[in-house]
C-alpha atoms as a PDB file:
ATOM      1  CA  MET A   1       0.000   0.000   0.000  1.00  0.00           C
ATOM      2  CA  ILE A   2       1.157   3.514  -0.802  1.00  0.00           C
ATOM      3  CA  ILE A   3       0.907   5.884   2.174  1.00  0.00           C
ATOM      4  CA  PRO A   4       1.584   9.550   1.404  1.00  0.00           C
ATOM      5  CA  ALA A   5       2.976  11.532   4.332  1.00  0.00           C
ATOM      6  CA  ILE A   6       2.829  15.168   5.326  1.00  0.00           C
ATOM      7  CA  ASP A   7       4.631  16.976   8.114  1.00  0.00           C
ATOM      8  CA  LEU A   8       2.870  19.956   9.674  1.00  0.00           C
ATOM      9  CA  ILE A   9       4.349  22.972  11.465  1.00  0.00           C
ATOM     10  CA  ASP A  10       2.018  25.776  12.583  1.00  0.00           C
ATOM     11  CA  GLY A  11      -0.606  24.770  10.018  1.00  0.00           C
ATOM     12  CA  SER A  12       1.808  24.570   7.091  1.00  0.00           C
ATOM     13  CA  VAL A  13       3.064  21.583   5.138  1.00  0.00           C
ATOM     14  CA  VAL A  14       6.832  21.294   5.617  1.00  0.00           C
ATOM     15  CA  ARG A  15       9.679  18.866   5.163  1.00  0.00           C
ATOM     16  CA  LEU A  16      12.605  18.503   7.527  1.00  0.00           C
ATOM     17  CA  TYR A  17      15.941  17.240   6.283  1.00  0.00           C
ATOM     18  CA  GLN A  18      17.287  14.485   8.549  1.00  0.00           C
ATOM     19  CA  GLY A  19      14.841  15.537  11.271  1.00  0.00           C
ATOM     20  CA  ASP A  20      16.392  18.987  11.718  1.00  0.00           C
ATOM     21  CA  TYR A  21      13.938  21.827  12.450  1.00  0.00           C
ATOM     22  CA  GLU A  22      16.560  24.297  11.214  1.00  0.00           C
ATOM     23  CA  GLN A  23      16.643  22.593   7.814  1.00  0.00           C
ATOM     24  CA  LYS A  24      13.016  22.783   6.774  1.00  0.00           C
ATOM     25  CA  THR A  25      11.353  23.367   3.439  1.00  0.00           C
ATOM     26  CA  LYS A  26       7.917  24.975   3.513  1.00  0.00           C
ATOM     27  CA  TYR A  27       5.416  24.114   0.796  1.00  0.00           C
ATOM     28  CA  GLU A  28       2.549  26.378  -0.226  1.00  0.00           C
ATOM     29  CA  PHE A  29      -0.123  23.712   0.082  1.00  0.00           C
ATOM     30  CA  ASP A  30      -3.231  23.791   2.232  1.00  0.00           C
ATOM     31  CA  PRO A  31      -3.237  20.513   4.217  1.00  0.00           C
ATOM     32  CA  VAL A  32      -6.941  19.842   3.530  1.00  0.00           C
ATOM     33  CA  ASP A  33      -6.347  20.435  -0.190  1.00  0.00           C
ATOM     34  CA  VAL A  34      -3.522  17.894  -0.050  1.00  0.00           C
ATOM     35  CA  VAL A  35      -5.900  15.330   1.502  1.00  0.00           C
ATOM     36  CA  ASN A  36      -8.446  15.867  -1.259  1.00  0.00           C
ATOM     37  CA  ASP A  37      -5.820  15.800  -3.997  1.00  0.00           C
ATOM     38  CA  TYR A  38      -4.242  12.563  -2.741  1.00  0.00           C
ATOM     39  CA  ALA A  39      -7.692  10.987  -2.277  1.00  0.00           C
ATOM     40  CA  ASP A  40      -8.660  11.944  -5.831  1.00  0.00           C
ATOM     41  CA  GLN A  41      -5.552  10.098  -6.992  1.00  0.00           C
ATOM     42  CA  GLY A  42      -6.533   6.936  -5.123  1.00  0.00           C
ATOM     43  CA  ALA A  43      -4.765   7.187  -1.762  1.00  0.00           C
ATOM     44  CA  THR A  44      -6.607   5.371   1.049  1.00  0.00           C
ATOM     45  CA  TRP A  45      -4.297   6.333   3.930  1.00  0.00           C
ATOM     46  CA  LEU A  46      -2.350   9.451   4.930  1.00  0.00           C
ATOM     47  CA  HIS A  47       0.488   9.649   7.434  1.00  0.00           C
ATOM     48  CA  ILE A  48       0.502  12.909   9.425  1.00  0.00           C
ATOM     49  CA  VAL A  49       3.408  14.143  11.542  1.00  0.00           C
ATOM     50  CA  ASP A  50       2.547  17.003  13.886  1.00  0.00           C
ATOM     51  CA  LEU A  51       5.945  18.645  14.312  1.00  0.00           C
ATOM     52  CA  THR A  52       4.580  21.585  16.293  1.00  0.00           C
ATOM     53  CA  GLY A  53       2.970  19.178  18.749  1.00  0.00           C
ATOM     54  CA  ALA A  54       6.142  17.121  18.876  1.00  0.00           C
ATOM     55  CA  LYS A  55       8.066  20.147  20.125  1.00  0.00           C
ATOM     56  CA  ASP A  56       5.344  21.382  22.473  1.00  0.00           C
ATOM     57  CA  THR A  57       2.462  19.064  23.339  1.00  0.00           C
ATOM     58  CA  SER A  58       0.327  22.028  24.455  1.00  0.00           C
ATOM     59  CA  LYS A  59       0.364  23.225  20.829  1.00  0.00           C
ATOM     60  CA  ARG A  60      -0.739  19.985  19.192  1.00  0.00           C
ATOM     61  CA  GLN A  61      -2.535  20.783  15.932  1.00  0.00           C
ATOM     62  CA  LEU A  62      -5.714  18.851  16.786  1.00  0.00           C
ATOM     63  CA  THR A  63      -8.085  21.299  15.099  1.00  0.00           C
ATOM     64  CA  LEU A  64      -6.165  21.094  11.828  1.00  0.00           C
ATOM     65  CA  ILE A  65      -5.843  17.318  11.992  1.00  0.00           C
ATOM     66  CA  LYS A  66      -9.577  17.017  12.730  1.00  0.00           C
ATOM     67  CA  SER A  67     -10.380  19.162   9.677  1.00  0.00           C
ATOM     68  CA  MET A  68      -8.329  16.739   7.575  1.00  0.00           C
ATOM     69  CA  VAL A  69      -9.975  13.676   9.104  1.00  0.00           C
ATOM     70  CA  ASP A  70     -13.429  15.243   8.697  1.00  0.00           C
ATOM     71  CA  THR A  71     -13.052  15.155   4.914  1.00  0.00           C
ATOM     72  CA  LYS A  72     -13.785  11.409   5.314  1.00  0.00           C
ATOM     73  CA  ARG A  73     -11.764  10.901   2.143  1.00  0.00           C
ATOM     74  CA  MET A  74      -9.361   8.311   3.578  1.00  0.00           C
ATOM     75  CA  GLN A  75      -7.984   6.890   6.802  1.00  0.00           C
ATOM     76  CA  PHE A  76      -5.282   8.603   8.797  1.00  0.00           C
ATOM     77  CA  GLN A  77      -2.396   7.682  11.014  1.00  0.00           C
ATOM     78  CA  ALA A  78      -0.942  10.539  13.021  1.00  0.00           C
ATOM     79  CA  GLY A  79       1.796  11.173  15.519  1.00  0.00           C
ATOM     80  CA  GLY A  80       4.684  13.401  16.455  1.00  0.00           C
ATOM     81  CA  GLY A  81       6.165  13.265  19.929  1.00  0.00           C
ATOM     82  CA  ILE A  82       3.265  11.427  21.583  1.00  0.00           C
ATOM     83  CA  ARG A  83       4.065  11.321  25.311  1.00  0.00           C
ATOM     84  CA  SER A  84       0.806  10.547  27.112  1.00  0.00           C
ATOM     85  CA  GLU A  85      -2.287   8.378  26.943  1.00  0.00           C
ATOM     86  CA  GLU A  86      -4.362  11.546  26.858  1.00  0.00           C
ATOM     87  CA  GLU A  87      -2.805  12.428  23.505  1.00  0.00           C
ATOM     88  CA  VAL A  88      -3.495   8.928  22.146  1.00  0.00           C
ATOM     89  CA  ALA A  89      -7.139   9.208  23.215  1.00  0.00           C
ATOM     90  CA  GLN A  90      -7.473  12.723  21.757  1.00  0.00           C
ATOM     91  CA  LEU A  91      -6.280  11.604  18.317  1.00  0.00           C
ATOM     92  CA  LEU A  92      -8.490   8.524  18.291  1.00  0.00           C
ATOM     93  CA  ASP A  93     -11.451  10.628  19.475  1.00  0.00           C
ATOM     94  CA  ILE A  94     -11.165  13.024  16.520  1.00  0.00           C
ATOM     95  CA  GLY A  95     -11.214  10.097  14.113  1.00  0.00           C
ATOM     96  CA  VAL A  96      -7.561   9.226  13.517  1.00  0.00           C
ATOM     97  CA  SER A  97      -7.427   5.468  12.814  1.00  0.00           C
ATOM     98  CA  ARG A  98      -3.908   4.812  14.054  1.00  0.00           C
ATOM     99  CA  VAL A  99      -1.721   6.739  16.474  1.00  0.00           C
ATOM    100  CA  VAL A 100       1.988   6.709  15.708  1.00  0.00           C
ATOM    101  CA  ILE A 101       4.282   6.361  18.713  1.00  0.00           C
ATOM    102  CA  GLY A 102       8.040   6.705  18.477  1.00  0.00           C
ATOM    103  CA  SER A 103      10.509   7.490  21.246  1.00  0.00           C
ATOM    104  CA  LEU A 104       8.152   6.545  24.053  1.00  0.00           C
ATOM    105  CA  ALA A 105       8.008   2.941  22.828  1.00  0.00           C
ATOM    106  CA  VAL A 106      11.733   2.757  23.538  1.00  0.00           C
ATOM    107  CA  LYS A 107      11.819   4.856  26.702  1.00  0.00           C
ATOM    108  CA  GLN A 108       8.684   3.437  28.357  1.00  0.00           C
ATOM    109  CA  PRO A 109       7.853   0.156  26.631  1.00  0.00           C
ATOM    110  CA  GLU A 110       5.590  -1.143  29.406  1.00  0.00           C
ATOM    111  CA  LEU A 111       3.416   1.973  29.156  1.00  0.00           C
ATOM    112  CA  VAL A 112       3.121   1.767  25.379  1.00  0.00           C
ATOM    113  CA  LYS A 113       2.448  -1.974  25.523  1.00  0.00           C
ATOM    114  CA  SER A 114      -0.472  -1.214  27.853  1.00  0.00           C
ATOM    115  CA  TRP A 115      -1.874   1.144  25.202  1.00  0.00           C
ATOM    116  CA  VAL A 116      -1.583  -1.541  22.515  1.00  0.00           C
ATOM    117  CA  THR A 117      -3.579  -3.825  24.788  1.00  0.00           C
ATOM    118  CA  LYS A 118      -6.156  -1.183  25.723  1.00  0.00           C
ATOM    119  CA  TYR A 119      -6.786   0.438  22.338  1.00  0.00           C
ATOM    120  CA  GLY A 120      -5.939  -2.531  20.114  1.00  0.00           C
ATOM    121  CA  ALA A 121      -2.913  -3.327  17.979  1.00  0.00           C
ATOM    122  CA  GLU A 122      -4.773  -2.086  14.902  1.00  0.00           C
ATOM    123  CA  HIS A 123      -4.796   1.444  16.330  1.00  0.00           C
ATOM    124  CA  ILE A 124      -1.117   1.819  17.271  1.00  0.00           C
ATOM    125  CA  VAL A 125       1.894   2.192  14.951  1.00  0.00           C
ATOM    126  CA  LEU A 126       5.385   1.941  16.383  1.00  0.00           C
ATOM    127  CA  ALA A 127       7.652   4.387  14.555  1.00  0.00           C
ATOM    128  CA  LEU A 128      11.199   3.151  14.953  1.00  0.00           C
ATOM    129  CA  ASP A 129      14.017   5.180  13.424  1.00  0.00           C
ATOM    130  CA  ILE A 130      17.274   3.307  13.222  1.00  0.00           C
ATOM    131  CA  ASN A 131      20.960   3.894  12.752  1.00  0.00           C
ATOM    132  CA  ILE A 132      22.777   0.885  11.334  1.00  0.00           C
ATOM    133  CA  SER A 133      26.234   0.471  12.822  1.00  0.00           C
ATOM    134  CA  GLU A 134      29.298  -0.710  10.932  1.00  0.00           C
ATOM    135  CA  ASN A 135      28.789  -4.225  12.254  1.00  0.00           C
ATOM    136  CA  GLY A 136      25.154  -4.236  11.190  1.00  0.00           C
ATOM    137  CA  GLU A 137      23.445  -3.504  14.488  1.00  0.00           C
ATOM    138  CA  LYS A 138      20.100  -1.773  14.032  1.00  0.00           C
ATOM    139  CA  LEU A 139      20.003   0.692  16.908  1.00  0.00           C
ATOM    140  CA  ILE A 140      16.920   2.783  17.539  1.00  0.00           C
ATOM    141  CA  ALA A 141      17.368   6.559  17.784  1.00  0.00           C
ATOM    142  CA  THR A 142      14.957   8.632  19.857  1.00  0.00           C
ATOM    143  CA  HIS A 143      13.805  12.214  20.387  1.00  0.00           C
ATOM    144  CA  GLY A 144      13.911  13.328  16.784  1.00  0.00           C
ATOM    145  CA  TRP A 145      17.100  11.337  16.218  1.00  0.00           C
ATOM    146  CA  GLN A 146      19.006  13.410  18.750  1.00  0.00           C
ATOM    147  CA  GLU A 147      19.737  10.401  20.984  1.00  0.00           C
ATOM    148  CA  ASN A 148      20.854   6.849  20.359  1.00  0.00           C
ATOM    149  CA  SER A 149      18.878   4.581  22.671  1.00  0.00           C
ATOM    150  CA  GLY A 150      21.283   1.645  22.544  1.00  0.00           C
ATOM    151  CA  VAL A 151      18.212  -0.574  22.032  1.00  0.00           C
ATOM    152  CA  ALA A 152      18.292  -2.959  19.071  1.00  0.00           C
ATOM    153  CA  LEU A 153      15.305  -3.038  16.733  1.00  0.00           C
ATOM    154  CA  GLU A 154      14.919  -6.802  17.049  1.00  0.00           C
ATOM    155  CA  ASP A 155      14.932  -6.710  20.858  1.00  0.00           C
ATOM    156  CA  LEU A 156      12.180  -4.103  21.000  1.00  0.00           C
ATOM    157  CA  LEU A 157      10.040  -6.035  18.522  1.00  0.00           C
ATOM    158  CA  ASN A 158      10.444  -9.246  20.486  1.00  0.00           C
ATOM    159  CA  ASP A 159       9.254  -7.349  23.557  1.00  0.00           C
ATOM    160  CA  PHE A 160       6.201  -5.874  21.789  1.00  0.00           C
ATOM    161  CA  ALA A 161       5.283  -9.223  20.215  1.00  0.00           C
ATOM    162  CA  SER A 162       3.905 -10.189  23.631  1.00  0.00           C
ATOM    163  CA  VAL A 163       1.007  -7.746  23.134  1.00  0.00           C
ATOM    164  CA  GLY A 164       0.598  -8.470  19.431  1.00  0.00           C
ATOM    165  CA  ALA A 165       1.956  -5.167  18.070  1.00  0.00           C
ATOM    166  CA  THR A 166       1.132  -5.257  14.374  1.00  0.00           C
ATOM    167  CA  HIS A 167       2.175  -2.026  12.666  1.00  0.00           C
ATOM    168  CA  VAL A 168       5.791  -0.869  12.558  1.00  0.00           C
ATOM    169  CA  LEU A 169       7.004   2.120  10.575  1.00  0.00           C
ATOM    170  CA  CYS A 170      10.748   1.728  10.250  1.00  0.00           C
ATOM    171  CA  THR A 171      13.031   4.464   8.915  1.00  0.00           C
ATOM    172  CA  ASP A 172      16.705   4.058   8.076  1.00  0.00           C
ATOM    173  CA  ILE A 173      17.847   7.505   9.178  1.00  0.00           C
ATOM    174  CA  SER A 174      20.764   7.576   6.747  1.00  0.00           C
ATOM    175  CA  ARG A 175      18.295   7.431   3.846  1.00  0.00           C
ATOM    176  CA  ASP A 176      15.655   9.905   5.061  1.00  0.00           C
ATOM    177  CA  GLY A 177      15.076  12.872   2.783  1.00  0.00           C
ATOM    178  CA  THR A 178      17.861  11.804   0.436  1.00  0.00           C
ATOM    179  CA  LEU A 179      15.721  10.378  -2.412  1.00  0.00           C
ATOM    180  CA  GLN A 180      18.522   7.848  -2.969  1.00  0.00           C
ATOM    181  CA  GLY A 181      16.436   4.701  -2.564  1.00  0.00           C
ATOM    182  CA  ALA A 182      15.121   2.743   0.408  1.00  0.00           C
ATOM    183  CA  ASN A 183      17.140   0.193   2.365  1.00  0.00           C
ATOM    184  CA  VAL A 184      15.610  -2.824   0.628  1.00  0.00           C
ATOM    185  CA  GLU A 185      17.802  -5.335   2.468  1.00  0.00           C
ATOM    186  CA  LEU A 186      16.595  -4.028   5.840  1.00  0.00           C
ATOM    187  CA  TYR A 187      12.932  -4.601   5.027  1.00  0.00           C
ATOM    188  CA  GLU A 188      13.608  -7.989   3.418  1.00  0.00           C
ATOM    189  CA  GLU A 189      15.355  -9.159   6.574  1.00  0.00           C
ATOM    190  CA  MET A 190      12.813  -7.710   8.996  1.00  0.00           C
ATOM    191  CA  SER A 191       9.762  -8.995   7.087  1.00  0.00           C
ATOM    192  CA  ALA A 192      11.255 -12.472   7.122  1.00  0.00           C
ATOM    193  CA  ARG A 193      12.140 -12.341  10.836  1.00  0.00           C
ATOM    194  CA  PHE A 194       8.852 -10.783  11.939  1.00  0.00           C
ATOM    195  CA  PRO A 195       6.213 -12.053   9.488  1.00  0.00           C
ATOM    196  CA  ASN A 196       3.319 -11.087  11.785  1.00  0.00           C
ATOM    197  CA  VAL A 197       4.284  -7.411  11.587  1.00  0.00           C
ATOM    198  CA  SER A 198       2.939  -5.169   8.843  1.00  0.00           C
ATOM    199  CA  TRP A 199       6.022  -3.128   8.020  1.00  0.00           C
ATOM    200  CA  GLN A 200       5.904   0.410   6.666  1.00  0.00           C
ATOM    201  CA  ALA A 201       9.032   1.330   4.727  1.00  0.00           C
ATOM    202  CA  SER A 202      10.200   4.920   5.026  1.00  0.00           C
ATOM    203  CA  GLY A 203      13.187   6.963   3.988  1.00  0.00           C
ATOM    204  CA  GLY A 204      14.959   7.615   0.718  1.00  0.00           C
ATOM    205  CA  ILE A 205      12.245   6.736  -1.790  1.00  0.00           C
ATOM    206  CA  GLY A 206      12.778   9.072  -4.724  1.00  0.00           C
ATOM    207  CA  SER A 207      11.631   7.240  -7.844  1.00  0.00           C
ATOM    208  CA  LEU A 208       9.085   4.733  -9.077  1.00  0.00           C
ATOM    209  CA  ASN A 209      11.932   2.216  -9.361  1.00  0.00           C
ATOM    210  CA  ASP A 210      12.547   2.634  -5.631  1.00  0.00           C
ATOM    211  CA  ILE A 211       8.904   1.704  -5.019  1.00  0.00           C
ATOM    212  CA  SER A 212       9.106  -1.370  -7.276  1.00  0.00           C
ATOM    213  CA  ALA A 213      12.261  -2.489  -5.478  1.00  0.00           C
ATOM    214  CA  LEU A 214      10.324  -2.734  -2.203  1.00  0.00           C
ATOM    215  CA  LYS A 215       7.560  -5.032  -3.523  1.00  0.00           C
ATOM    216  CA  PRO A 216       9.493  -8.318  -2.996  1.00  0.00           C
ATOM    217  CA  THR A 217      10.253  -7.369   0.631  1.00  0.00           C
ATOM    218  CA  ASN A 218       6.622  -7.996   1.671  1.00  0.00           C
ATOM    219  CA  VAL A 219       6.285  -4.633   3.412  1.00  0.00           C
ATOM    220  CA  GLY A 220       2.684  -3.650   4.046  1.00  0.00           C
ATOM    221  CA  GLY A 221       3.136   0.023   3.288  1.00  0.00           C
ATOM    222  CA  VAL A 222       5.450   2.481   1.590  1.00  0.00           C
ATOM    223  CA  ILE A 223       5.638   5.975   3.102  1.00  0.00           C
ATOM    224  CA  LEU A 224       6.183   8.741   0.555  1.00  0.00           C
ATOM    225  CA  GLY A 225       6.981  12.296   1.600  1.00  0.00           C
ATOM    226  CA  ARG A 226       9.437  14.562  -0.124  1.00  0.00           C
ATOM    227  CA  ALA A 227       9.239  12.813  -3.519  1.00  0.00           C
ATOM    228  CA  LEU A 228       5.517  13.595  -3.818  1.00  0.00           C
ATOM    229  CA  LEU A 229       5.826  17.165  -2.595  1.00  0.00           C
ATOM    230  CA  GLU A 230       8.594  17.830  -5.095  1.00  0.00           C
ATOM    231  CA  GLY A 231       6.729  16.220  -7.993  1.00  0.00           C
ATOM    232  CA  LYS A 232       9.137  13.348  -8.681  1.00  0.00           C
ATOM    233  CA  PHE A 233       6.005  11.327  -9.418  1.00  0.00           C
ATOM    234  CA  THR A 234       2.319  11.461  -8.463  1.00  0.00           C
ATOM    235  CA  VAL A 235       0.335   9.457  -5.915  1.00  0.00           C
ATOM    236  CA  LYS A 236      -1.573   7.885  -8.802  1.00  0.00           C
ATOM    237  CA  GLU A 237       1.657   6.820 -10.492  1.00  0.00           C
ATOM    238  CA  ALA A 238       3.018   5.444  -7.215  1.00  0.00           C
ATOM    239  CA  ILE A 239      -0.123   3.368  -6.606  1.00  0.00           C
ATOM    240  CA  ALA A 240      -0.063   1.975 -10.155  1.00  0.00           C
ATOM    241  CA  CYS A 241       3.631   1.176  -9.777  1.00  0.00           C
ATOM    242  CA  TRP A 242       3.037  -0.709  -6.515  1.00  0.00           C
ATOM    243  CA  GLN A 243       0.078  -2.673  -7.914  1.00  0.00           C
ATOM    244  CA  ASN A 244       1.985  -3.666 -11.033  1.00  0.00           C
ATOM    245  CA  ALA A 245       5.382  -4.384  -9.462  1.00  0.00           C
END
């Protein structure tokens, strides 16, 4: 499945390079217009990152996100620095289908596991951003990639398997925003090791060939951000590419 993604700061669609707020590109698109455009092209899901809310939870862009959800044009998964159950409940209450949880899954796994149990595995996505070391260790980075947790991807997934965690959005940080192709080997290996997980591939996808290359990995979703915003290809083209790969 193709999942377009948009990052939001103060009501605007933006793109950060390598997670850096100082290196952002602002696009002159209205977020609700983007929803309608992507839906017209056949998208059934949208991935929303609330970067304002990630920096300051008191400024979470719930009104904007609700206006996007209220279009009823597709389903939404949303996140960005989720730190409390209240925030999970707020997003689900306004109609978001899945809440995306990143750093907290690493910092407070027991808490996040309790949410998976309470709200259901279908409604929680673990967003795990990894740095791959020279010897191949997949170490999860946290807090907007500022910190290396020292926790291996496989260890965290084994832990969350106990509550049936189903959706994992995994980003190879070295590829993010580069448009140089996804880490196909990573997703091949992880899909084989954790077949019960629906993997979402993210980072580096810059061409239709990059999308085709992911089809044999058995990932459940392909997250597309910068490439769509910069017109490398359209949502419609991406969906056709995925279906025909």
